[in-house]
């Protein structure tokens, strides 16, 4: 998985070929915080600095740094996928919601 944890916060890491550097972007925040470096050690260092600045700004503005998630979202799929998922859920003795939640949980861990 292209993620890195810095001080308990998750960042997604990608490579920017235009500048030949890795880019990290913290996810699940109430704002944007990104950082760049040429290697892992640099990503860790620059990520910690970016996070520190972001958290300080949140504290100064009285903003909760982490985004709150309701646990609800809408998912649109083609009818054939909807039908196949409904059948798979029934075969596992689960509601479509339970089955989909388990599938998402497993995919998020494996990703």
C-alpha atoms as a PDB file:
ATOM      1  CA  UNK A   1       0.000   0.000   0.000  1.00  0.00           C
ATOM      2  CA  UNK A   2       1.282   3.460  -0.809  1.00  0.00           C
ATOM      3  CA  UNK A   3       0.640   4.883   2.632  1.00  0.00           C
ATOM      4  CA  UNK A   4       2.799   6.117   5.458  1.00  0.00           C
ATOM      5  CA  UNK A   5       1.845   6.771   9.075  1.00  0.00           C
ATOM      6  CA  UNK A   6       3.388   9.833  10.672  1.00  0.00           C
ATOM      7  CA  UNK A   7       2.560  10.564  14.313  1.00  0.00           C
ATOM      8  CA  UNK A   8      -0.668   8.568  14.026  1.00  0.00           C
ATOM      9  CA  UNK A   9      -1.876  10.275  10.838  1.00  0.00           C
ATOM     10  CA  UNK A  10      -2.095   8.471   7.481  1.00  0.00           C
ATOM     11  CA  UNK A  11      -0.599   9.899   4.305  1.00  0.00           C
ATOM     12  CA  UNK A  12      -0.918   8.570   0.757  1.00  0.00           C
ATOM     13  CA  UNK A  13       2.385   8.542  -1.112  1.00  0.00           C
ATOM     14  CA  UNK A  14       2.769   8.956  -4.876  1.00  0.00           C
ATOM     15  CA  UNK A  15       5.619   9.737  -7.239  1.00  0.00           C
ATOM     16  CA  UNK A  16       5.618  12.924  -9.306  1.00  0.00           C
ATOM     17  CA  UNK A  17       7.703  12.199 -12.417  1.00  0.00           C
ATOM     18  CA  UNK A  18       7.736  15.862 -13.480  1.00  0.00           C
ATOM     19  CA  UNK A  19       9.825  16.873 -10.469  1.00  0.00           C
ATOM     20  CA  UNK A  20      11.321  13.437  -9.723  1.00  0.00           C
ATOM     21  CA  UNK A  21      10.106  13.488  -6.112  1.00  0.00           C
ATOM     22  CA  UNK A  22       7.714  11.590  -3.915  1.00  0.00           C
ATOM     23  CA  UNK A  23       4.613  13.431  -2.717  1.00  0.00           C
ATOM     24  CA  UNK A  24       2.804  12.669   0.500  1.00  0.00           C
ATOM     25  CA  UNK A  25      -0.698  13.885   1.262  1.00  0.00           C
ATOM     26  CA  UNK A  26      -2.368  13.393   4.621  1.00  0.00           C
ATOM     27  CA  UNK A  27      -5.886  11.990   4.347  1.00  0.00           C
ATOM     28  CA  UNK A  28      -8.852  12.215   6.682  1.00  0.00           C
ATOM     29  CA  UNK A  29      -8.044  15.774   7.730  1.00  0.00           C
ATOM     30  CA  UNK A  30     -10.205  18.879   7.865  1.00  0.00           C
ATOM     31  CA  UNK A  31      -7.895  20.577   5.402  1.00  0.00           C
ATOM     32  CA  UNK A  32      -4.918  19.906   3.206  1.00  0.00           C
ATOM     33  CA  UNK A  33      -1.414  18.983   4.280  1.00  0.00           C
ATOM     34  CA  UNK A  34       1.115  17.648   1.792  1.00  0.00           C
ATOM     35  CA  UNK A  35       4.883  17.250   1.561  1.00  0.00           C
ATOM     36  CA  UNK A  36       7.609  16.310  -0.914  1.00  0.00           C
ATOM     37  CA  UNK A  37      10.932  14.482  -0.674  1.00  0.00           C
ATOM     38  CA  UNK A  38      13.333  12.367  -2.711  1.00  0.00           C
ATOM     39  CA  UNK A  39      13.408   9.368  -0.337  1.00  0.00           C
ATOM     40  CA  UNK A  40      11.616   7.684   2.562  1.00  0.00           C
ATOM     41  CA  UNK A  41      13.684   9.365   5.263  1.00  0.00           C
ATOM     42  CA  UNK A  42      12.947  12.737   3.669  1.00  0.00           C
ATOM     43  CA  UNK A  43       9.240  11.914   3.452  1.00  0.00           C
ATOM     44  CA  UNK A  44       9.172  11.104   7.155  1.00  0.00           C
ATOM     45  CA  UNK A  45      10.996  14.330   8.036  1.00  0.00           C
ATOM     46  CA  UNK A  46       8.994  16.603   5.716  1.00  0.00           C
ATOM     47  CA  UNK A  47       5.734  14.871   6.641  1.00  0.00           C
ATOM     48  CA  UNK A  48       6.349  15.499  10.340  1.00  0.00           C
ATOM     49  CA  UNK A  49       7.034  19.182   9.619  1.00  0.00           C
ATOM     50  CA  UNK A  50       3.930  19.559   7.431  1.00  0.00           C
ATOM     51  CA  UNK A  51       1.767  17.816  10.024  1.00  0.00           C
ATOM     52  CA  UNK A  52       3.140  19.977  12.836  1.00  0.00           C
ATOM     53  CA  UNK A  53       2.302  23.162  10.900  1.00  0.00           C
ATOM     54  CA  UNK A  54      -1.186  21.844  10.063  1.00  0.00           C
ATOM     55  CA  UNK A  55      -1.935  20.846  13.665  1.00  0.00           C
ATOM     56  CA  UNK A  56      -0.693  24.208  14.956  1.00  0.00           C
ATOM     57  CA  UNK A  57      -2.981  26.038  12.517  1.00  0.00           C
ATOM     58  CA  UNK A  58      -5.929  23.866  13.626  1.00  0.00           C
ATOM     59  CA  UNK A  59      -5.204  24.606  17.285  1.00  0.00           C
ATOM     60  CA  UNK A  60      -4.918  28.322  16.569  1.00  0.00           C
ATOM     61  CA  UNK A  61      -8.235  28.347  14.664  1.00  0.00           C
ATOM     62  CA  UNK A  62     -10.031  25.991  17.071  1.00  0.00           C
ATOM     63  CA  UNK A  63     -10.598  23.398  14.343  1.00  0.00           C
ATOM     64  CA  UNK A  64     -10.667  19.641  14.939  1.00  0.00           C
ATOM     65  CA  UNK A  65      -7.783  18.282  12.787  1.00  0.00           C
ATOM     66  CA  UNK A  66      -9.416  14.970  11.890  1.00  0.00           C
ATOM     67  CA  UNK A  67     -12.450  14.818   9.649  1.00  0.00           C
ATOM     68  CA  UNK A  68     -15.432  13.048  11.202  1.00  0.00           C
ATOM     69  CA  UNK A  69     -17.012  10.240   9.220  1.00  0.00           C
ATOM     70  CA  UNK A  70     -20.682   9.337   9.621  1.00  0.00           C
ATOM     71  CA  UNK A  71     -20.300   5.733   8.513  1.00  0.00           C
ATOM     72  CA  UNK A  72     -22.753   6.313   5.666  1.00  0.00           C
ATOM     73  CA  UNK A  73     -22.074   6.811   1.986  1.00  0.00           C
ATOM     74  CA  UNK A  74     -23.876   6.155  -1.270  1.00  0.00           C
ATOM     75  CA  UNK A  75     -22.411   3.744  -3.784  1.00  0.00           C
ATOM     76  CA  UNK A  76     -23.487   3.498  -7.409  1.00  0.00           C
ATOM     77  CA  UNK A  77     -22.703   0.418  -9.474  1.00  0.00           C
ATOM     78  CA  UNK A  78     -24.042  -1.026 -12.683  1.00  0.00           C
ATOM     79  CA  UNK A  79     -27.169  -3.232 -12.371  1.00  0.00           C
ATOM     80  CA  UNK A  80     -25.271  -6.475 -13.072  1.00  0.00           C
ATOM     81  CA  UNK A  81     -22.833  -5.775 -10.221  1.00  0.00           C
ATOM     82  CA  UNK A  82     -25.737  -4.876  -7.921  1.00  0.00           C
ATOM     83  CA  UNK A  83     -27.431  -8.176  -8.745  1.00  0.00           C
ATOM     84  CA  UNK A  84     -24.239 -10.216  -8.307  1.00  0.00           C
ATOM     85  CA  UNK A  85     -23.505  -8.541  -4.953  1.00  0.00           C
ATOM     86  CA  UNK A  86     -27.048  -9.196  -3.731  1.00  0.00           C
ATOM     87  CA  UNK A  87     -26.709 -12.873  -4.654  1.00  0.00           C
ATOM     88  CA  UNK A  88     -23.283 -13.136  -2.995  1.00  0.00           C
ATOM     89  CA  UNK A  89     -24.638 -11.497   0.177  1.00  0.00           C
ATOM     90  CA  UNK A  90     -27.575 -13.910   0.313  1.00  0.00           C
ATOM     91  CA  UNK A  91     -25.235 -16.859  -0.223  1.00  0.00           C
ATOM     92  CA  UNK A  92     -23.281 -15.703   2.854  1.00  0.00           C
ATOM     93  CA  UNK A  93     -26.468 -15.250   4.884  1.00  0.00           C
ATOM     94  CA  UNK A  94     -25.915 -11.499   5.089  1.00  0.00           C
ATOM     95  CA  UNK A  95     -27.717  -8.356   4.063  1.00  0.00           C
ATOM     96  CA  UNK A  96     -26.215  -6.511   1.132  1.00  0.00           C
ATOM     97  CA  UNK A  97     -25.056  -3.808   3.548  1.00  0.00           C
ATOM     98  CA  UNK A  98     -23.275  -6.332   5.826  1.00  0.00           C
ATOM     99  CA  UNK A  99     -21.677  -8.084   2.881  1.00  0.00           C
ATOM    100  CA  UNK A 100     -20.505  -4.828   1.270  1.00  0.00           C
ATOM    101  CA  UNK A 101     -19.126  -3.528   4.581  1.00  0.00           C
ATOM    102  CA  UNK A 102     -17.106  -6.742   5.024  1.00  0.00           C
ATOM    103  CA  UNK A 103     -15.852  -6.591   1.436  1.00  0.00           C
ATOM    104  CA  UNK A 104     -14.774  -2.963   1.854  1.00  0.00           C
ATOM    105  CA  UNK A 105     -13.080  -3.729   5.189  1.00  0.00           C
ATOM    106  CA  UNK A 106     -11.099  -6.605   3.655  1.00  0.00           C
ATOM    107  CA  UNK A 107     -10.149  -4.572   0.574  1.00  0.00           C
ATOM    108  CA  UNK A 108      -9.001  -1.632   2.707  1.00  0.00           C
ATOM    109  CA  UNK A 109      -6.734  -3.917   4.753  1.00  0.00           C
ATOM    110  CA  UNK A 110      -5.316  -5.679   1.683  1.00  0.00           C
ATOM    111  CA  UNK A 111      -4.831  -2.515  -0.362  1.00  0.00           C
END
